[in-house]
C-alpha atoms as a PDB file:
ATOM      1  CA  UNK A   1       0.000   0.000   0.000  1.00  0.00           C
ATOM      2  CA  UNK A   2       1.582   3.265  -1.171  1.00  0.00           C
ATOM      3  CA  UNK A   3       1.039   6.352   0.981  1.00  0.00           C
ATOM      4  CA  UNK A   4       0.744   9.783  -0.570  1.00  0.00           C
ATOM      5  CA  UNK A   5       3.796  11.642   0.712  1.00  0.00           C
ATOM      6  CA  UNK A   6       4.204  15.371   0.127  1.00  0.00           C
ATOM      7  CA  UNK A   7       7.539  17.168   0.499  1.00  0.00           C
ATOM      8  CA  UNK A   8       8.272  20.833   1.159  1.00  0.00           C
ATOM      9  CA  UNK A   9      10.939  23.077   2.650  1.00  0.00           C
ATOM     10  CA  UNK A  10      10.570  26.070   4.889  1.00  0.00           C
ATOM     11  CA  UNK A  11      13.124  28.603   6.094  1.00  0.00           C
ATOM     12  CA  UNK A  12      13.390  31.408   8.630  1.00  0.00           C
ATOM     13  CA  UNK A  13      16.530  33.329   9.623  1.00  0.00           C
ATOM     14  CA  UNK A  14      19.325  30.729   9.293  1.00  0.00           C
ATOM     15  CA  UNK A  15      17.060  27.708   9.917  1.00  0.00           C
ATOM     16  CA  UNK A  16      15.924  25.331   7.175  1.00  0.00           C
ATOM     17  CA  UNK A  17      13.266  22.626   7.601  1.00  0.00           C
ATOM     18  CA  UNK A  18      12.745  19.715   5.188  1.00  0.00           C
ATOM     19  CA  UNK A  19       9.241  18.360   5.731  1.00  0.00           C
ATOM     20  CA  UNK A  20       7.407  15.173   4.678  1.00  0.00           C
ATOM     21  CA  UNK A  21       3.697  14.804   5.443  1.00  0.00           C
ATOM     22  CA  UNK A  22       1.367  11.843   4.971  1.00  0.00           C
ATOM     23  CA  UNK A  23      -1.932  10.543   6.338  1.00  0.00           C
ATOM     24  CA  UNK A  24      -1.696   9.235   9.877  1.00  0.00           C
ATOM     25  CA  UNK A  25      -2.620   9.860  13.477  1.00  0.00           C
ATOM     26  CA  UNK A  26      -1.064  13.317  13.968  1.00  0.00           C
ATOM     27  CA  UNK A  27       2.462  12.386  15.063  1.00  0.00           C
ATOM     28  CA  UNK A  28       5.101  15.060  14.491  1.00  0.00           C
ATOM     29  CA  UNK A  29       8.714  13.871  14.553  1.00  0.00           C
ATOM     30  CA  UNK A  30      11.522  16.427  14.319  1.00  0.00           C
ATOM     31  CA  UNK A  31      15.117  15.195  13.929  1.00  0.00           C
ATOM     32  CA  UNK A  32      14.107  11.773  15.253  1.00  0.00           C
ATOM     33  CA  UNK A  33      12.375  13.136  18.380  1.00  0.00           C
ATOM     34  CA  UNK A  34       8.750  13.858  19.145  1.00  0.00           C
ATOM     35  CA  UNK A  35       7.821  17.529  18.900  1.00  0.00           C
ATOM     36  CA  UNK A  36       7.196  17.853  22.659  1.00  0.00           C
ATOM     37  CA  UNK A  37      10.758  16.756  23.384  1.00  0.00           C
ATOM     38  CA  UNK A  38      12.460  18.730  20.578  1.00  0.00           C
ATOM     39  CA  UNK A  39      10.577  22.014  21.018  1.00  0.00           C
ATOM     40  CA  UNK A  40      10.362  21.997  24.804  1.00  0.00           C
ATOM     41  CA  UNK A  41       8.522  25.352  24.896  1.00  0.00           C
ATOM     42  CA  UNK A  42       4.731  25.012  24.452  1.00  0.00           C
ATOM     43  CA  UNK A  43       4.488  28.253  22.434  1.00  0.00           C
ATOM     44  CA  UNK A  44       6.861  26.845  19.782  1.00  0.00           C
ATOM     45  CA  UNK A  45       4.806  23.663  19.600  1.00  0.00           C
ATOM     46  CA  UNK A  46       1.638  25.743  19.121  1.00  0.00           C
ATOM     47  CA  UNK A  47       3.380  27.683  16.333  1.00  0.00           C
ATOM     48  CA  UNK A  48       4.330  24.474  14.519  1.00  0.00           C
ATOM     49  CA  UNK A  49       0.809  22.963  14.579  1.00  0.00           C
ATOM     50  CA  UNK A  50      -0.875  26.233  13.490  1.00  0.00           C
ATOM     51  CA  UNK A  51      -1.248  25.139   9.808  1.00  0.00           C
ATOM     52  CA  UNK A  52      -3.120  22.008  10.969  1.00  0.00           C
ATOM     53  CA  UNK A  53      -5.375  24.036  13.277  1.00  0.00           C
ATOM     54  CA  UNK A  54      -6.256  26.481  10.485  1.00  0.00           C
ATOM     55  CA  UNK A  55      -7.072  23.733   7.956  1.00  0.00           C
ATOM     56  CA  UNK A  56      -8.872  21.405  10.442  1.00  0.00           C
ATOM     57  CA  UNK A  57      -6.396  18.563   9.785  1.00  0.00           C
ATOM     58  CA  UNK A  58      -5.067  18.352  13.348  1.00  0.00           C
ATOM     59  CA  UNK A  59      -4.613  14.690  14.298  1.00  0.00           C
ATOM     60  CA  UNK A  60      -5.065  13.407  10.737  1.00  0.00           C
ATOM     61  CA  UNK A  61      -1.597  13.960   9.225  1.00  0.00           C
ATOM     62  CA  UNK A  62       1.824  12.717  10.337  1.00  0.00           C
ATOM     63  CA  UNK A  63       4.951  14.821   9.888  1.00  0.00           C
ATOM     64  CA  UNK A  64       8.581  13.765   9.666  1.00  0.00           C
ATOM     65  CA  UNK A  65      10.957  16.724   9.494  1.00  0.00           C
ATOM     66  CA  UNK A  66      14.661  17.470   9.502  1.00  0.00           C
ATOM     67  CA  UNK A  67      15.643  20.930  10.710  1.00  0.00           C
ATOM     68  CA  UNK A  68      19.061  22.503  10.942  1.00  0.00           C
ATOM     69  CA  UNK A  69      20.643  25.886  11.480  1.00  0.00           C
ATOM     70  CA  UNK A  70      19.579  28.802  13.620  1.00  0.00           C
ATOM     71  CA  UNK A  71      17.918  28.507  17.019  1.00  0.00           C
ATOM     72  CA  UNK A  72      14.787  26.779  18.217  1.00  0.00           C
ATOM     73  CA  UNK A  73      12.510  29.748  17.451  1.00  0.00           C
ATOM     74  CA  UNK A  74      13.747  30.053  13.862  1.00  0.00           C
ATOM     75  CA  UNK A  75      13.510  26.292  13.406  1.00  0.00           C
ATOM     76  CA  UNK A  76       9.908  26.277  14.650  1.00  0.00           C
ATOM     77  CA  UNK A  77       8.950  29.041  12.209  1.00  0.00           C
ATOM     78  CA  UNK A  78      10.744  27.255   9.367  1.00  0.00           C
ATOM     79  CA  UNK A  79       8.914  24.039  10.222  1.00  0.00           C
ATOM     80  CA  UNK A  80       5.576  25.878  10.263  1.00  0.00           C
ATOM     81  CA  UNK A  81       6.216  27.259   6.768  1.00  0.00           C
ATOM     82  CA  UNK A  82       7.315  23.836   5.497  1.00  0.00           C
ATOM     83  CA  UNK A  83       4.177  22.174   6.873  1.00  0.00           C
ATOM     84  CA  UNK A  84       1.958  24.873   5.332  1.00  0.00           C
ATOM     85  CA  UNK A  85       3.624  24.424   1.920  1.00  0.00           C
ATOM     86  CA  UNK A  86       3.311  20.632   2.119  1.00  0.00           C
ATOM     87  CA  UNK A  87      -0.382  20.923   3.049  1.00  0.00           C
ATOM     88  CA  UNK A  88      -0.874  23.170   0.026  1.00  0.00           C
ATOM     89  CA  UNK A  89       0.686  20.500  -2.211  1.00  0.00           C
ATOM     90  CA  UNK A  90      -1.589  17.855  -0.715  1.00  0.00           C
ATOM     91  CA  UNK A  91      -4.762  19.901  -1.242  1.00  0.00           C
ATOM     92  CA  UNK A  92      -4.916  23.070  -3.349  1.00  0.00           C
ATOM     93  CA  UNK A  93      -8.184  24.101  -1.642  1.00  0.00           C
ATOM     94  CA  UNK A  94      -6.192  25.036   1.490  1.00  0.00           C
ATOM     95  CA  UNK A  95      -4.561  27.988  -0.314  1.00  0.00           C
ATOM     96  CA  UNK A  96      -7.125  30.643   0.682  1.00  0.00           C
ATOM     97  CA  UNK A  97      -7.194  29.609   4.374  1.00  0.00           C
ATOM     98  CA  UNK A  98      -3.418  29.317   4.675  1.00  0.00           C
ATOM     99  CA  UNK A  99      -2.863  32.602   2.832  1.00  0.00           C
ATOM    100  CA  UNK A 100      -5.394  34.518   4.944  1.00  0.00           C
ATOM    101  CA  UNK A 101      -3.715  33.184   8.113  1.00  0.00           C
ATOM    102  CA  UNK A 102      -0.370  34.423   6.754  1.00  0.00           C
ATOM    103  CA  UNK A 103       1.227  30.975   6.765  1.00  0.00           C
ATOM    104  CA  UNK A 104       2.469  30.873   3.167  1.00  0.00           C
ATOM    105  CA  UNK A 105       4.662  33.973   3.390  1.00  0.00           C
ATOM    106  CA  UNK A 106       8.286  33.556   4.397  1.00  0.00           C
ATOM    107  CA  UNK A 107       9.305  35.914   7.200  1.00  0.00           C
ATOM    108  CA  UNK A 108      12.170  37.767   5.503  1.00  0.00           C
ATOM    109  CA  UNK A 109      13.624  39.429   8.607  1.00  0.00           C
ATOM    110  CA  UNK A 110      17.302  38.612   9.091  1.00  0.00           C
ATOM    111  CA  UNK A 111      19.885  39.647  11.671  1.00  0.00           C
ATOM    112  CA  UNK A 112      21.637  42.883  10.729  1.00  0.00           C
ATOM    113  CA  UNK A 113      25.401  42.527  10.475  1.00  0.00           C
ATOM    114  CA  UNK A 114      27.739  43.979  13.068  1.00  0.00           C
ATOM    115  CA  UNK A 115      29.507  47.200  12.035  1.00  0.00           C
ATOM    116  CA  UNK A 116      33.090  48.064  12.956  1.00  0.00           C
ATOM    117  CA  UNK A 117      33.512  50.588  15.750  1.00  0.00           C
ATOM    118  CA  UNK A 118      30.234  49.443  17.310  1.00  0.00           C
ATOM    119  CA  UNK A 119      29.258  46.913  19.969  1.00  0.00           C
ATOM    120  CA  UNK A 120      26.556  45.337  17.777  1.00  0.00           C
ATOM    121  CA  UNK A 121      24.849  46.430  14.558  1.00  0.00           C
ATOM    122  CA  UNK A 122      23.662  49.785  15.952  1.00  0.00           C
ATOM    123  CA  UNK A 123      24.611  49.852  19.634  1.00  0.00           C
ATOM    124  CA  UNK A 124      27.557  52.160  20.311  1.00  0.00           C
ATOM    125  CA  UNK A 125      30.277  51.977  22.906  1.00  0.00           C
ATOM    126  CA  UNK A 126      29.737  54.185  25.953  1.00  0.00           C
ATOM    127  CA  UNK A 127      30.555  57.831  25.222  1.00  0.00           C
ATOM    128  CA  UNK A 128      32.895  59.559  27.646  1.00  0.00           C
ATOM    129  CA  UNK A 129      33.319  63.346  27.433  1.00  0.00           C
ATOM    130  CA  UNK A 130      36.357  63.325  29.770  1.00  0.00           C
END
């Protein structure tokens, strides 16, 4: 019996998520671990399952994902985008709901580079008049 598997990638900051979705019982496995163990913060877990909540497919689709780069927050956002794109491939009727929830747009904000003569990108060293 061949399962319909849909692939997609999502990215945010330096994080990249490669996502595979297929029909199942709602298990989400990230880098070989369950989502509760990998994303130990509940708000990140909520962010990841948002595409399922919007499309009423929560508990019906399994996810296997590989994420790398960046931090946990960026990885969670990348995974959310990857899941949304994979859901769109599985059913084109989800486009309007995913788009209106803002889940198909990549968040393009990146970290500004550090400038010379500064502490960070814009923060200056303490000014001393004397």
